[in-house]
C-alpha cells in the first residue's frame, strides 16, 4: 500500500476503533469475540482500503463488514466451543450500572440477529436509518420495521424484569 493511503487508513482506524469495538461487543456480548470481529473487520478493510476510501459512506461500508464478520462468526460451530474443564469464575458486579449493562446485553442477545444488528447500529452506533440500511444491505423500510420490533421486544423484557430467552438461529431458547 502506498504510504499516503496507509496513513489515511491508520488515521481512520485510530479514530473509529473504540466505536467499532463497542458495536462488536454489543452484537456478540463477549469482549474477546468482539476483539476477533474487529480485527477481522480491520484486516478486510486494510486489504480493500483503496476501494473503501472511495466509498460515499465509509462508516457504513465498515459497519457492513463488521456485521458480516459477526454473522460469519455465529455460523461457525467452533465459536460455541468452551475450552477448559470448568467455567471461569466471574467477579461479582461492582454496582447497579454493571447490572443494568448486563441486563441490556442479555436482552439484546434475546433478539433475532437482524433486529439486534439494526438496534445496535442505529442506537449504539448512532447511524441514520439510511446508513444502517446501507451497512446491512437492506431497505430503509426494513430497518425501520426491524428497529420497531426490536425496541418493542427490548422494552417488554427490560420493563418486565423477567428472565430472557436467548435467540439463536431465529429460534428462541432458554
Protein backbone atom coordinates (compact mmCIF):
# COMPACT_ATOMS: atom_id res chain seq x y z
CA UNK A 1 0.00 0.00 0.00
CA UNK A 2 1.23 3.49 -0.77
CA UNK A 3 2.37 5.47 2.30
CA UNK A 4 -0.32 8.14 1.87
CA UNK A 5 -3.09 5.51 1.70
CA UNK A 6 -1.65 3.69 4.69
CA UNK A 7 -1.56 6.93 6.68
CA UNK A 8 -5.24 7.57 5.82
CA UNK A 9 -6.10 4.03 6.92
CA UNK A 10 -4.26 4.41 10.24
CA UNK A 11 -5.95 7.77 10.92
CA UNK A 12 -9.38 6.35 10.15
CA UNK A 13 -8.88 3.24 12.30
CA UNK A 14 -7.40 5.22 15.19
CA UNK A 15 -10.46 7.48 15.26
CA UNK A 16 -13.03 4.68 14.91
CA UNK A 17 -11.54 1.79 16.88
CA UNK A 18 -13.36 2.35 20.22
CA UNK A 19 -16.70 2.73 18.44
CA UNK A 20 -16.13 -0.38 16.33
CA UNK A 21 -15.20 -2.40 19.40
CA UNK A 22 -18.27 -1.18 21.28
CA UNK A 23 -20.52 -2.07 18.35
CA UNK A 24 -18.98 -5.54 18.05
CA UNK A 25 -19.33 -6.10 21.80
CA UNK A 26 -23.00 -5.13 21.73
CA UNK A 27 -23.58 -7.53 18.85
CA UNK A 28 -21.88 -10.56 20.42
CA UNK A 29 -21.77 -9.75 24.17
CA UNK A 30 -18.25 -11.12 24.51
CA UNK A 31 -15.19 -8.87 24.71
CA UNK A 32 -12.80 -11.46 23.27
CA UNK A 33 -15.08 -12.32 20.38
CA UNK A 34 -15.60 -8.59 19.78
CA UNK A 35 -11.81 -8.20 19.53
CA UNK A 36 -11.71 -11.00 16.95
CA UNK A 37 -14.56 -9.48 14.94
CA UNK A 38 -12.96 -6.03 14.94
CA UNK A 39 -9.60 -7.50 13.95
CA UNK A 40 -11.17 -9.41 11.04
CA UNK A 41 -13.04 -6.25 10.02
CA UNK A 42 -9.93 -4.10 10.06
CA UNK A 43 -7.94 -6.72 8.15
CA UNK A 44 -10.61 -6.83 5.43
CA UNK A 45 -10.70 -3.04 5.41
CA UNK A 46 -6.91 -2.82 5.04
CA UNK A 47 -6.90 -5.25 2.13
CA UNK A 48 -9.62 -3.24 0.37
CA UNK A 49 -8.65 0.23 1.61
CA UNK A 50 -8.11 1.75 -1.82
CA UNK A 51 -11.66 0.86 -2.86
CA UNK A 52 -13.14 1.56 0.60
CA UNK A 53 -11.58 5.03 0.82
CA UNK A 54 -13.55 6.00 -2.27
CA UNK A 55 -16.90 4.91 -0.80
CA UNK A 56 -19.58 7.56 -0.33
CA UNK A 57 -20.23 6.39 3.23
CA UNK A 58 -17.06 4.86 4.63
CA UNK A 59 -18.56 4.30 8.09
CA UNK A 60 -21.48 2.41 6.55
CA UNK A 61 -19.05 0.36 4.49
CA UNK A 62 -17.06 -0.57 7.60
CA UNK A 63 -20.17 -1.35 9.65
CA UNK A 64 -21.35 -3.65 6.89
CA UNK A 65 -18.04 -5.53 7.05
CA UNK A 66 -18.33 -5.67 10.85
CA UNK A 67 -21.87 -7.09 10.83
CA UNK A 68 -20.92 -9.65 8.19
CA UNK A 69 -17.93 -10.76 10.25
CA UNK A 70 -20.20 -11.08 13.28
CA UNK A 71 -22.70 -13.18 11.33
CA UNK A 72 -19.86 -15.32 9.94
CA UNK A 73 -18.62 -15.96 13.49
CA UNK A 74 -22.11 -17.02 14.58
CA UNK A 75 -22.33 -19.53 11.74
CA UNK A 76 -19.13 -21.31 12.71
CA UNK A 77 -19.67 -24.26 15.02
CA UNK A 78 -16.35 -23.81 16.83
CA UNK A 79 -17.42 -20.36 18.07
CA UNK A 80 -19.63 -22.05 20.67
CA UNK A 81 -16.92 -24.39 21.98
CA UNK A 82 -15.88 -23.77 25.58
CA UNK A 83 -12.30 -24.74 26.23
CA UNK A 84 -11.33 -25.98 29.67
CA UNK A 85 -12.83 -28.35 32.18
CA UNK A 86 -14.77 -25.73 34.17
CA UNK A 87 -16.32 -22.34 33.74
CA UNK A 88 -14.28 -19.34 34.81
CA UNK A 89 -15.35 -17.59 37.97
CA UNK A 90 -16.84 -14.22 37.22
CA UNK A 91 -16.38 -11.34 39.64
CA UNK A 92 -19.47 -10.01 41.35
CA UNK A 93 -20.91 -6.88 39.73
CA UNK A 94 -19.49 -3.74 41.31
CA UNK A 95 -22.66 -1.65 41.18
CA UNK A 96 -26.08 -1.27 39.58
CA UNK A 97 -24.62 0.18 36.35
CA UNK A 98 -22.89 -3.09 35.57
CA UNK A 99 -26.09 -4.98 36.33
CA UNK A 100 -28.08 -2.72 34.01
CA UNK A 101 -25.49 -3.17 31.26
CA UNK A 102 -25.62 -6.93 31.70
CA UNK A 103 -29.41 -6.87 31.57
CA UNK A 104 -29.29 -4.82 28.37
CA UNK A 105 -26.70 -7.09 26.74
CA UNK A 106 -28.75 -10.15 27.71
CA UNK A 107 -31.88 -8.55 26.31
CA UNK A 108 -30.04 -7.69 23.09
CA UNK A 109 -28.90 -11.30 22.78
CA UNK A 110 -32.54 -12.36 23.01
CA UNK A 111 -33.31 -10.51 19.79
CA UNK A 112 -33.01 -12.25 16.43
CA UNK A 113 -29.73 -11.37 14.68
CA UNK A 114 -31.32 -8.96 12.20
CA UNK A 115 -33.15 -6.96 14.86
CA UNK A 116 -30.06 -6.95 17.07
CA UNK A 117 -27.87 -5.64 14.25
CA UNK A 118 -30.36 -2.89 13.41
CA UNK A 119 -30.82 -1.77 17.03
CA UNK A 120 -27.07 -1.79 17.74
CA UNK A 121 -26.16 0.13 14.60
CA UNK A 122 -29.00 2.65 14.98
CA UNK A 123 -28.82 3.41 18.68
CA UNK A 124 -25.38 2.36 19.85
CA UNK A 125 -23.54 3.03 16.59
CA UNK A 126 -25.56 6.23 16.11
CA UNK A 127 -26.17 5.58 12.40
CA UNK A 128 -29.09 7.03 10.49
CA UNK A 129 -31.79 4.79 9.03
CA UNK A 130 -30.23 5.17 5.59
CA UNK A 131 -26.69 4.46 6.81
CA UNK A 132 -27.92 1.40 8.70
CA UNK A 133 -29.76 0.16 5.61
CA UNK A 134 -26.61 0.63 3.54
CA UNK A 135 -24.45 -1.12 6.14
CA UNK A 136 -26.81 -4.10 6.28
CA UNK A 137 -27.64 -4.17 2.57
CA UNK A 138 -31.38 -3.83 3.05
CA UNK A 139 -34.09 -1.21 2.55
CA UNK A 140 -34.77 1.72 4.88
CA UNK A 141 -38.26 0.30 5.46
CA UNK A 142 -36.77 -2.97 6.63
CA UNK A 143 -34.51 -1.09 9.04
CA UNK A 144 -37.50 0.82 10.45
CA UNK A 145 -39.65 -2.27 10.91
CA UNK A 146 -36.83 -4.37 12.41
CA UNK A 147 -35.92 -1.48 14.70
CA UNK A 148 -39.52 -1.04 15.82
CA UNK A 149 -39.91 -4.74 16.58
CA UNK A 150 -36.54 -4.92 18.31
CA UNK A 151 -37.20 -1.91 20.53
CA UNK A 152 -40.66 -3.22 21.44
CA UNK A 153 -39.14 -6.56 22.45
CA UNK A 154 -36.40 -4.83 24.47
CA UNK A 155 -38.92 -2.63 26.27
CA UNK A 156 -41.09 -5.62 27.09
CA UNK A 157 -38.19 -7.63 28.50
CA UNK A 158 -36.48 -4.77 30.36
CA UNK A 159 -39.69 -3.28 31.80
CA UNK A 160 -40.99 -6.63 32.97
CA UNK A 161 -37.70 -7.64 34.55
CA UNK A 162 -38.39 -11.25 33.68
CA UNK A 163 -35.96 -13.93 32.53
CA UNK A 164 -34.81 -13.67 28.95
CA UNK A 165 -34.62 -16.42 26.35
CA UNK A 166 -31.65 -16.13 24.05
CA UNK A 167 -32.38 -16.12 20.30
CA UNK A 168 -30.25 -18.48 18.27
CA UNK A 169 -30.66 -19.05 14.55
CA UNK A 170 -34.03 -17.30 14.52
CA UNK A 171 -35.47 -19.54 17.26
CA UNK A 172 -35.69 -18.68 20.94
CA UNK A 173 -34.12 -20.99 23.51
CA UNK A 174 -33.90 -20.80 27.28
